[in-house]
Protein backbone atom coordinates (compact mmCIF):
# COMPACT_ATOMS: atom_id res chain seq x y z
CA UNK A 1 -20.61 18.85 -20.21
CA UNK A 2 -23.20 17.09 -18.07
CA UNK A 3 -24.80 20.00 -17.16
CA UNK A 4 -26.08 21.34 -20.43
CA UNK A 5 -29.69 21.95 -20.39
CA UNK A 6 -31.56 19.66 -22.81
CA UNK A 7 -31.37 20.78 -26.93
CA UNK A 8 -32.65 19.16 -30.24
CA UNK A 9 -30.15 16.34 -30.67
CA UNK A 10 -30.31 15.08 -26.91
CA UNK A 11 -33.69 15.73 -25.91
CA UNK A 12 -32.95 13.67 -22.14
CA UNK A 13 -29.68 16.04 -21.12
CA UNK A 14 -26.30 15.51 -21.28
CA UNK A 15 -26.20 13.90 -18.00
CA UNK A 16 -24.93 10.64 -19.44
CA UNK A 17 -21.82 12.08 -19.93
CA UNK A 18 -21.08 11.66 -16.06
CA UNK A 19 -21.29 7.88 -16.67
CA UNK A 20 -18.75 8.02 -19.77
CA UNK A 21 -16.62 9.97 -17.18
CA UNK A 22 -16.99 7.55 -15.08
CA UNK A 23 -16.07 4.91 -17.00
CA UNK A 24 -13.06 6.63 -18.47
CA UNK A 25 -11.76 7.01 -14.96
CA UNK A 26 -12.35 3.28 -14.01
CA UNK A 27 -10.03 2.20 -17.09
CA UNK A 28 -7.49 4.62 -16.40
CA UNK A 29 -7.12 3.17 -12.81
CA UNK A 30 -7.33 -0.57 -14.01
CA UNK A 31 -5.01 0.18 -16.41
CA UNK A 32 -2.49 1.51 -13.56
CA UNK A 33 -3.49 -1.28 -11.39
CA UNK A 34 -2.65 -3.65 -14.21
CA UNK A 35 0.71 -2.01 -14.73
CA UNK A 36 1.50 -1.91 -11.10
CA UNK A 37 1.00 -5.49 -11.00
CA UNK A 38 3.15 -6.45 -13.98
CA UNK A 39 5.67 -4.05 -12.93
CA UNK A 40 5.84 -5.62 -9.15
CA UNK A 41 6.02 -9.09 -11.31
CA UNK A 42 9.22 -8.21 -13.18
CA UNK A 43 10.91 -6.51 -10.05
CA UNK A 44 10.58 -10.03 -8.37
CA UNK A 45 11.63 -11.98 -10.88
CA UNK A 46 14.52 -10.12 -12.13
CA UNK A 47 14.99 -9.15 -8.36
CA UNK A 48 15.35 -5.66 -9.57
CA UNK A 49 15.65 -2.54 -6.35
CA UNK A 50 14.02 0.90 -6.43
CA UNK A 51 15.88 3.12 -4.23
CA UNK A 52 14.14 3.88 -1.08
CA UNK A 53 14.77 7.22 -0.69
CA UNK A 54 13.65 8.54 -3.59
CA UNK A 55 10.44 6.33 -3.75
CA UNK A 56 9.48 7.39 -0.04
CA UNK A 57 9.63 11.13 -1.36
CA UNK A 58 7.72 10.89 -4.43
CA UNK A 59 5.33 9.20 -2.03
CA UNK A 60 5.05 11.57 0.17
CA UNK A 61 4.65 13.99 -2.36
CA UNK A 62 1.86 11.85 -4.36
CA UNK A 63 -0.11 11.34 -0.84
CA UNK A 64 0.24 15.67 -0.15
CA UNK A 65 -0.98 16.26 -3.56
CA UNK A 66 -3.59 13.69 -3.44
CA UNK A 67 -5.01 15.27 -0.20
CA UNK A 68 -5.47 18.25 -1.95
CA UNK A 69 -7.16 17.03 -4.96
CA UNK A 70 -9.95 15.22 -2.70
CA UNK A 71 -10.51 18.32 -0.57
CA UNK A 72 -10.73 20.15 -4.05
CA UNK A 73 -12.75 17.05 -5.15
CA UNK A 74 -15.69 17.33 -2.27
CA UNK A 75 -16.28 20.83 -3.14
CA UNK A 76 -16.52 20.20 -6.85
CA UNK A 77 -19.22 17.19 -5.82
CA UNK A 78 -21.39 19.13 -3.38
CA UNK A 79 -21.55 21.96 -5.91
CA UNK A 80 -22.64 19.99 -9.19
CA UNK A 81 -23.65 16.71 -7.67
CA UNK A 82 -21.36 14.99 -10.04
CA UNK A 83 -21.38 10.69 -10.21
CA UNK A 84 -17.41 10.60 -10.45
CA UNK A 85 -16.15 13.18 -8.33
CA UNK A 86 -19.23 11.69 -5.40
CA UNK A 87 -17.25 8.04 -5.86
CA UNK A 88 -13.94 9.75 -6.21
CA UNK A 89 -14.50 11.61 -2.89
CA UNK A 90 -15.82 8.11 -1.20
CA UNK A 91 -13.28 5.80 -2.51
CA UNK A 92 -9.86 8.25 -2.10
CA UNK A 93 -7.94 5.13 -4.20
CA UNK A 94 -4.68 7.71 -4.35
CA UNK A 95 -4.47 8.20 -1.10
CA UNK A 96 -4.42 4.29 0.02
CA UNK A 97 -1.84 3.76 -3.30
CA UNK A 98 0.14 6.42 -1.66
CA UNK A 99 0.04 4.57 1.98
CA UNK A 100 0.69 1.65 0.81
CA UNK A 101 3.83 2.50 -1.16
CA UNK A 102 5.10 4.02 1.75
CA UNK A 103 4.48 0.72 3.57
CA UNK A 104 6.08 -1.34 1.26
CA UNK A 105 9.13 0.87 0.20
CA UNK A 106 9.64 1.77 3.83
CA UNK A 107 9.24 -1.52 5.09
CA UNK A 108 11.96 -2.57 2.63
CA UNK A 109 14.39 -0.01 3.76
CA UNK A 110 14.59 -1.03 7.69
CA UNK A 111 13.76 -4.89 7.16
CA UNK A 112 16.46 -5.16 4.64
CA UNK A 113 13.94 -7.34 3.03
CA UNK A 114 14.12 -6.15 -1.17
CA UNK A 115 11.03 -8.91 -1.65
CA UNK A 116 8.85 -6.90 0.25
CA UNK A 117 7.93 -3.98 -1.76
CA UNK A 118 6.84 -5.77 -4.69
CA UNK A 119 4.80 -8.21 -2.90
CA UNK A 120 3.41 -5.57 -1.34
CA UNK A 121 2.25 -3.98 -4.73
């Protein structure tokens, strides 16, 4: 929508839609982060254990999907010079999330320290 040319209602164009898109993405990431923190605290308080094999498998699939998504977003960012896509290209947060999750889940599986996964989260 931001690449549409200026019109009568929007004499300066639609470029601000990129900022709105970036804000929505930031709010989604903030919400996901808040949910992760809340879940980690609940798992520590209630001593809830997640099966490590399932968690590791899900995270590996997530990392692979994030890798391909990041590659696609790099191409889109180059073509459109899109601010949100450029930010995504630079941060690669989903990849870091996956590595964090594997570290916590695998670390717990191999050390036996059940509290390790929610602490790393």
